[in-house]
Amino acid sequence: MEIFTKNKKYSFNDIAEICDKNGLTTVDCLKDENMISVEGYENGELSGNCISEFHQIKEDVFKLTWQE
């Protein structure tokens, strides 16, 4: 599923809005790892499988670093 662009910069709100529109959710790892993971749902519960990762490159600016 490629809903994010590799070299584009995103704000947290951008990522959250795209996730909402596509039935996905963010897993906030900012405090520990300076990143946000995106996961999908399976049978109404989080799948536990990361499908995208964004690393923080500066305040409220994130870059896609991995995509399934």
PDB file of N, CA and C in Angstrom:
ATOM      1  N   MET A   1       0.843  -1.172   0.000  1.00  0.00           N
ATOM      2  CA  MET A   1       0.000   0.000   0.000  1.00  0.00           C
ATOM      3  C   MET A   1       0.889   1.236   0.000  1.00  0.00           C
ATOM      4  N   GLU A   2       0.898   1.977  -1.048  1.00  0.00           N
ATOM      5  CA  GLU A   2       1.724   3.171  -1.136  1.00  0.00           C
ATOM      6  C   GLU A   2       0.840   4.411  -1.125  1.00  0.00           C
ATOM      7  N   ILE A   3       0.597   4.924   0.067  1.00  0.00           N
ATOM      8  CA  ILE A   3      -0.221   6.128   0.191  1.00  0.00           C
ATOM      9  C   ILE A   3       0.618   7.331   0.590  1.00  0.00           C
ATOM     10  N   PHE A   4       1.878   7.088   0.931  1.00  0.00           N
ATOM     11  CA  PHE A   4       2.801   8.153   1.285  1.00  0.00           C
ATOM     12  C   PHE A   4       3.915   8.211   0.247  1.00  0.00           C
ATOM     13  N   THR A   5       4.502   9.391   0.077  1.00  0.00           N
ATOM     14  CA  THR A   5       5.569   9.608  -0.893  1.00  0.00           C
ATOM     15  C   THR A   5       6.913   9.645  -0.174  1.00  0.00           C
ATOM     16  N   LYS A   6       7.883   8.946  -0.710  1.00  0.00           N
ATOM     17  CA  LYS A   6       9.196   8.762  -0.071  1.00  0.00           C
ATOM     18  C   LYS A   6       9.918  10.079   0.259  1.00  0.00           C
ATOM     19  N   ASN A   7      10.029  11.017  -0.643  1.00  0.00           N
ATOM     20  CA  ASN A   7      10.843  12.204  -0.398  1.00  0.00           C
ATOM     21  C   ASN A   7      10.051  13.439   0.016  1.00  0.00           C
ATOM     22  N   LYS A   8       8.791  13.258   0.343  1.00  0.00           N
ATOM     23  CA  LYS A   8       7.951  14.378   0.779  1.00  0.00           C
ATOM     24  C   LYS A   8       8.082  14.559   2.287  1.00  0.00           C
ATOM     25  N   LYS A   9       7.986  15.811   2.736  1.00  0.00           N
ATOM     26  CA  LYS A   9       8.004  16.104   4.164  1.00  0.00           C
ATOM     27  C   LYS A   9       6.559  16.253   4.645  1.00  0.00           C
ATOM     28  N   TYR A  10       6.250  15.645   5.792  1.00  0.00           N
ATOM     29  CA  TYR A  10       4.906  15.636   6.346  1.00  0.00           C
ATOM     30  C   TYR A  10       4.906  16.221   7.752  1.00  0.00           C
ATOM     31  N   SER A  11       3.813  16.878   8.124  1.00  0.00           N
ATOM     32  CA  SER A  11       3.602  17.249   9.522  1.00  0.00           C
ATOM     33  C   SER A  11       2.879  16.082  10.187  1.00  0.00           C
ATOM     34  N   PHE A  12       2.821  16.090  11.506  1.00  0.00           N
ATOM     35  CA  PHE A  12       2.089  15.035  12.190  1.00  0.00           C
ATOM     36  C   PHE A  12       0.622  15.042  11.761  1.00  0.00           C
ATOM     37  N   ASN A  13       0.038  16.235  11.618  1.00  0.00           N
ATOM     38  CA  ASN A  13      -1.362  16.332  11.193  1.00  0.00           C
ATOM     39  C   ASN A  13      -1.569  15.772   9.791  1.00  0.00           C
ATOM     40  N   ASP A  14      -0.630  15.999   8.884  1.00  0.00           N
ATOM     41  CA  ASP A  14      -0.720  15.424   7.531  1.00  0.00           C
ATOM     42  C   ASP A  14      -0.803  13.903   7.602  1.00  0.00           C
ATOM     43  N   ILE A  15       0.090  13.317   8.386  1.00  0.00           N
ATOM     44  CA  ILE A  15       0.133  11.858   8.515  1.00  0.00           C
ATOM     45  C   ILE A  15      -1.170  11.348   9.122  1.00  0.00           C
ATOM     46  N   ALA A  16      -1.641  12.010  10.184  1.00  0.00           N
ATOM     47  CA  ALA A  16      -2.871  11.584  10.856  1.00  0.00           C
ATOM     48  C   ALA A  16      -4.078  11.661   9.927  1.00  0.00           C
ATOM     49  N   GLU A  17      -4.181  12.730   9.132  1.00  0.00           N
ATOM     50  CA  GLU A  17      -5.308  12.884   8.202  1.00  0.00           C
ATOM     51  C   GLU A  17      -5.295  11.795   7.126  1.00  0.00           C
ATOM     52  N   ILE A  18      -4.130  11.511   6.575  1.00  0.00           N
ATOM     53  CA  ILE A  18      -4.017  10.459   5.555  1.00  0.00           C
ATOM     54  C   ILE A  18      -4.380   9.102   6.159  1.00  0.00           C
ATOM     55  N   CYS A  19      -3.939   8.865   7.380  1.00  0.00           N
ATOM     56  CA  CYS A  19      -4.287   7.606   8.055  1.00  0.00           C
ATOM     57  C   CYS A  19      -5.792   7.501   8.259  1.00  0.00           C
ATOM     58  N   ASP A  20      -6.422   8.566   8.729  1.00  0.00           N
ATOM     59  CA  ASP A  20      -7.870   8.556   8.943  1.00  0.00           C
ATOM     60  C   ASP A  20      -8.624   8.238   7.657  1.00  0.00           C
ATOM     61  N   LYS A  21      -8.205   8.832   6.560  1.00  0.00           N
ATOM     62  CA  LYS A  21      -8.874   8.618   5.272  1.00  0.00           C
ATOM     63  C   LYS A  21      -8.695   7.192   4.754  1.00  0.00           C
ATOM     64  N   ASN A  22      -7.652   6.504   5.204  1.00  0.00           N
ATOM     65  CA  ASN A  22      -7.326   5.175   4.688  1.00  0.00           C
ATOM     66  C   ASN A  22      -7.508   4.051   5.715  1.00  0.00           C
ATOM     67  N   GLY A  23      -8.178   4.349   6.820  1.00  0.00           N
ATOM     68  CA  GLY A  23      -8.441   3.318   7.822  1.00  0.00           C
ATOM     69  C   GLY A  23      -7.206   2.820   8.542  1.00  0.00           C
ATOM     70  N   LEU A  24      -6.240   3.698   8.722  1.00  0.00           N
ATOM     71  CA  LEU A  24      -4.986   3.359   9.395  1.00  0.00           C
ATOM     72  C   LEU A  24      -4.866   4.179  10.665  1.00  0.00           C
ATOM     73  N   THR A  25      -3.861   3.912  11.471  1.00  0.00           N
ATOM     74  CA  THR A  25      -3.620   4.703  12.674  1.00  0.00           C
ATOM     75  C   THR A  25      -2.125   4.914  12.870  1.00  0.00           C
ATOM     76  N   THR A  26      -1.800   5.939  13.634  1.00  0.00           N
ATOM     77  CA  THR A  26      -0.398   6.217  13.944  1.00  0.00           C
ATOM     78  C   THR A  26      -0.058   5.623  15.303  1.00  0.00           C
ATOM     79  N   VAL A  27       1.174   5.172  15.426  1.00  0.00           N
ATOM     80  CA  VAL A  27       1.719   4.727  16.699  1.00  0.00           C
ATOM     81  C   VAL A  27       2.847   5.700  17.008  1.00  0.00           C
ATOM     82  N   ASP A  28       2.619   6.511  18.008  1.00  0.00           N
ATOM     83  CA  ASP A  28       3.531   7.601  18.334  1.00  0.00           C
ATOM     84  C   ASP A  28       4.712   7.094  19.142  1.00  0.00           C
ATOM     85  N   CYS A  29       5.898   7.153  18.556  1.00  0.00           N
ATOM     86  CA  CYS A  29       7.127   6.747  19.243  1.00  0.00           C
ATOM     87  C   CYS A  29       8.062   7.947  19.374  1.00  0.00           C
ATOM     88  N   LEU A  30       7.496   9.141  19.372  1.00  0.00           N
ATOM     89  CA  LEU A  30       8.328  10.342  19.320  1.00  0.00           C
ATOM     90  C   LEU A  30       9.232  10.499  20.533  1.00  0.00           C
ATOM     91  N   LYS A  31       8.731  10.235  21.712  1.00  0.00           N
ATOM     92  CA  LYS A  31       9.530  10.452  22.920  1.00  0.00           C
ATOM     93  C   LYS A  31      10.742   9.540  22.985  1.00  0.00           C
ATOM     94  N   ASP A  32      10.579   8.302  22.547  1.00  0.00           N
ATOM     95  CA  ASP A  32      11.671   7.336  22.666  1.00  0.00           C
ATOM     96  C   ASP A  32      12.561   7.251  21.436  1.00  0.00           C
ATOM     97  N   GLU A  33      11.955   7.326  20.256  1.00  0.00           N
ATOM     98  CA  GLU A  33      12.708   7.031  19.040  1.00  0.00           C
ATOM     99  C   GLU A  33      12.640   8.111  17.958  1.00  0.00           C
ATOM    100  N   ASN A  34      11.982   9.225  18.222  1.00  0.00           N
ATOM    101  CA  ASN A  34      11.834  10.307  17.242  1.00  0.00           C
ATOM    102  C   ASN A  34      11.246   9.819  15.928  1.00  0.00           C
ATOM    103  N   MET A  35      10.203   8.987  16.035  1.00  0.00           N
ATOM    104  CA  MET A  35       9.575   8.461  14.836  1.00  0.00           C
ATOM    105  C   MET A  35       8.090   8.216  15.064  1.00  0.00           C
ATOM    106  N   ILE A  36       7.376   8.041  13.972  1.00  0.00           N
ATOM    107  CA  ILE A  36       5.963   7.668  13.985  1.00  0.00           C
ATOM    108  C   ILE A  36       5.822   6.447  13.096  1.00  0.00           C
ATOM    109  N   SER A  37       5.135   5.447  13.598  1.00  0.00           N
ATOM    110  CA  SER A  37       4.832   4.256  12.806  1.00  0.00           C
ATOM    111  C   SER A  37       3.366   4.299  12.413  1.00  0.00           C
ATOM    112  N   VAL A  38       3.037   3.710  11.280  1.00  0.00           N
ATOM    113  CA  VAL A  38       1.659   3.613  10.811  1.00  0.00           C
ATOM    114  C   VAL A  38       1.283   2.141  10.753  1.00  0.00           C
ATOM    115  N   GLU A  39       0.119   1.815  11.341  1.00  0.00           N
ATOM    116  CA  GLU A  39      -0.363   0.443  11.339  1.00  0.00           C
ATOM    117  C   GLU A  39      -1.803   0.401  10.835  1.00  0.00           C
ATOM    118  N   GLY A  40      -2.192  -0.765  10.374  1.00  0.00           N
ATOM    119  CA  GLY A  40      -3.554  -0.994   9.933  1.00  0.00           C
ATOM    120  C   GLY A  40      -4.324  -1.799  10.961  1.00  0.00           C
ATOM    121  N   TYR A  41      -5.568  -2.072  10.649  1.00  0.00           N
ATOM    122  CA  TYR A  41      -6.431  -2.865  11.521  1.00  0.00           C
ATOM    123  C   TYR A  41      -6.729  -4.204  10.871  1.00  0.00           C
ATOM    124  N   GLU A  42      -6.928  -5.197  11.708  1.00  0.00           N
ATOM    125  CA  GLU A  42      -7.302  -6.529  11.257  1.00  0.00           C
ATOM    126  C   GLU A  42      -8.391  -7.038  12.202  1.00  0.00           C
ATOM    127  N   ASN A  43      -9.559  -7.295  11.664  1.00  0.00           N
ATOM    128  CA  ASN A  43     -10.707  -7.730  12.477  1.00  0.00           C
ATOM    129  C   ASN A  43     -11.025  -6.738  13.594  1.00  0.00           C
ATOM    130  N   GLY A  44     -10.913  -5.438  13.285  1.00  0.00           N
ATOM    131  CA  GLY A  44     -11.256  -4.393  14.234  1.00  0.00           C
ATOM    132  C   GLY A  44     -10.202  -4.058  15.265  1.00  0.00           C
ATOM    133  N   GLU A  45      -9.066  -4.743  15.230  1.00  0.00           N
ATOM    134  CA  GLU A  45      -7.994  -4.471  16.179  1.00  0.00           C
ATOM    135  C   GLU A  45      -6.706  -4.157  15.427  1.00  0.00           C
ATOM    136  N   LEU A  46      -5.791  -3.455  16.100  1.00  0.00           N
ATOM    137  CA  LEU A  46      -4.505  -3.153  15.468  1.00  0.00           C
ATOM    138  C   LEU A  46      -3.838  -4.440  15.023  1.00  0.00           C
ATOM    139  N   SER A  47      -3.297  -4.408  13.824  1.00  0.00           N
ATOM    140  CA  SER A  47      -2.667  -5.614  13.271  1.00  0.00           C
ATOM    141  C   SER A  47      -1.326  -5.919  13.927  1.00  0.00           C
ATOM    142  N   GLY A  48      -0.673  -4.894  14.459  1.00  0.00           N
ATOM    143  CA  GLY A  48       0.658  -5.083  15.032  1.00  0.00           C
ATOM    144  C   GLY A  48       1.758  -5.054  13.992  1.00  0.00           C
ATOM    145  N   ASN A  49       1.372  -4.889  12.719  1.00  0.00           N
ATOM    146  CA  ASN A  49       2.343  -4.834  11.628  1.00  0.00           C
ATOM    147  C   ASN A  49       2.534  -3.400  11.171  1.00  0.00           C
ATOM    148  N   CYS A  50       3.728  -2.929  11.270  1.00  0.00           N
ATOM    149  CA  CYS A  50       4.055  -1.583  10.810  1.00  0.00           C
ATOM    150  C   CYS A  50       4.062  -1.585   9.278  1.00  0.00           C
ATOM    151  N   ILE A  51       3.364  -0.615   8.677  1.00  0.00           N
ATOM    152  CA  ILE A  51       3.371  -0.534   7.219  1.00  0.00           C
ATOM    153  C   ILE A  51       4.140   0.679   6.705  1.00  0.00           C
ATOM    154  N   SER A  52       4.384   1.654   7.594  1.00  0.00           N
ATOM    155  CA  SER A  52       5.181   2.830   7.229  1.00  0.00           C
ATOM    156  C   SER A  52       5.863   3.371   8.480  1.00  0.00           C
ATOM    157  N   GLU A  53       7.039   3.966   8.290  1.00  0.00           N
ATOM    158  CA  GLU A  53       7.746   4.626   9.386  1.00  0.00           C
ATOM    159  C   GLU A  53       8.210   5.997   8.926  1.00  0.00           C
ATOM    160  N   PHE A  54       8.015   6.966   9.792  1.00  0.00           N
ATOM    161  CA  PHE A  54       8.445   8.338   9.546  1.00  0.00           C
ATOM    162  C   PHE A  54       9.390   8.743  10.665  1.00  0.00           C
ATOM    163  N   HIS A  55      10.519   9.318  10.300  1.00  0.00           N
ATOM    164  CA  HIS A  55      11.448   9.830  11.295  1.00  0.00           C
ATOM    165  C   HIS A  55      11.358  11.351  11.325  1.00  0.00           C
ATOM    166  N   GLN A  56      11.449  11.867  12.529  1.00  0.00           N
ATOM    167  CA  GLN A  56      11.383  13.314  12.715  1.00  0.00           C
ATOM    168  C   GLN A  56      12.706  13.926  12.292  1.00  0.00           C
ATOM    169  N   ILE A  57      12.629  14.915  11.383  1.00  0.00           N
ATOM    170  CA  ILE A  57      13.858  15.566  10.933  1.00  0.00           C
ATOM    171  C   ILE A  57      14.018  16.956  11.529  1.00  0.00           C
ATOM    172  N   LYS A  58      12.915  17.542  12.002  1.00  0.00           N
ATOM    173  CA  LYS A  58      12.924  18.750  12.830  1.00  0.00           C
ATOM    174  C   LYS A  58      11.543  18.895  13.438  1.00  0.00           C
ATOM    175  N   GLU A  59      11.317  19.945  14.193  1.00  0.00           N
ATOM    176  CA  GLU A  59      10.057  20.119  14.910  1.00  0.00           C
ATOM    177  C   GLU A  59       8.862  20.011  13.968  1.00  0.00           C
ATOM    178  N   ASP A  60       8.006  19.015  14.199  1.00  0.00           N
ATOM    179  CA  ASP A  60       6.790  18.735  13.431  1.00  0.00           C
ATOM    180  C   ASP A  60       7.036  18.560  11.927  1.00  0.00           C
ATOM    181  N   VAL A  61       8.210  18.047  11.577  1.00  0.00           N
ATOM    182  CA  VAL A  61       8.513  17.704  10.185  1.00  0.00           C
ATOM    183  C   VAL A  61       9.032  16.265  10.174  1.00  0.00           C
ATOM    184  N   PHE A  62       8.364  15.432   9.366  1.00  0.00           N
ATOM    185  CA  PHE A  62       8.677  14.013   9.313  1.00  0.00           C
ATOM    186  C   PHE A  62       8.911  13.592   7.872  1.00  0.00           C
ATOM    187  N   LYS A  63       9.778  12.605   7.711  1.00  0.00           N
ATOM    188  CA  LYS A  63      10.095  12.085   6.394  1.00  0.00           C
ATOM    189  C   LYS A  63       9.899  10.576   6.404  1.00  0.00           C
ATOM    190  N   LEU A  64       9.256  10.058   5.376  1.00  0.00           N
ATOM    191  CA  LEU A  64       9.050   8.624   5.241  1.00  0.00           C
ATOM    192  C   LEU A  64      10.393   7.944   5.052  1.00  0.00           C
ATOM    193  N   THR A  65      10.687   6.974   5.926  1.00  0.00           N
ATOM    194  CA  THR A  65      11.965   6.280   5.831  1.00  0.00           C
ATOM    195  C   THR A  65      11.802   4.803   5.498  1.00  0.00           C
ATOM    196  N   TRP A  66      10.585   4.275   5.676  1.00  0.00           N
ATOM    197  CA  TRP A  66      10.337   2.871   5.342  1.00  0.00           C
ATOM    198  C   TRP A  66       8.867   2.690   5.035  1.00  0.00           C
ATOM    199  N   GLN A  67       8.577   1.864   4.019  1.00  0.00           N
ATOM    200  CA  GLN A  67       7.210   1.576   3.630  1.00  0.00           C
ATOM    201  C   GLN A  67       7.127   0.134   3.150  1.00  0.00           C
ATOM    202  N   GLU A  68       6.121  -0.587   3.636  1.00  0.00           N
ATOM    203  CA  GLU A  68       5.916  -1.979   3.241  1.00  0.00           C
ATOM    204  C   GLU A  68       5.547  -2.075   1.789  1.00  0.00           C
TER     205      GLU A  68
END
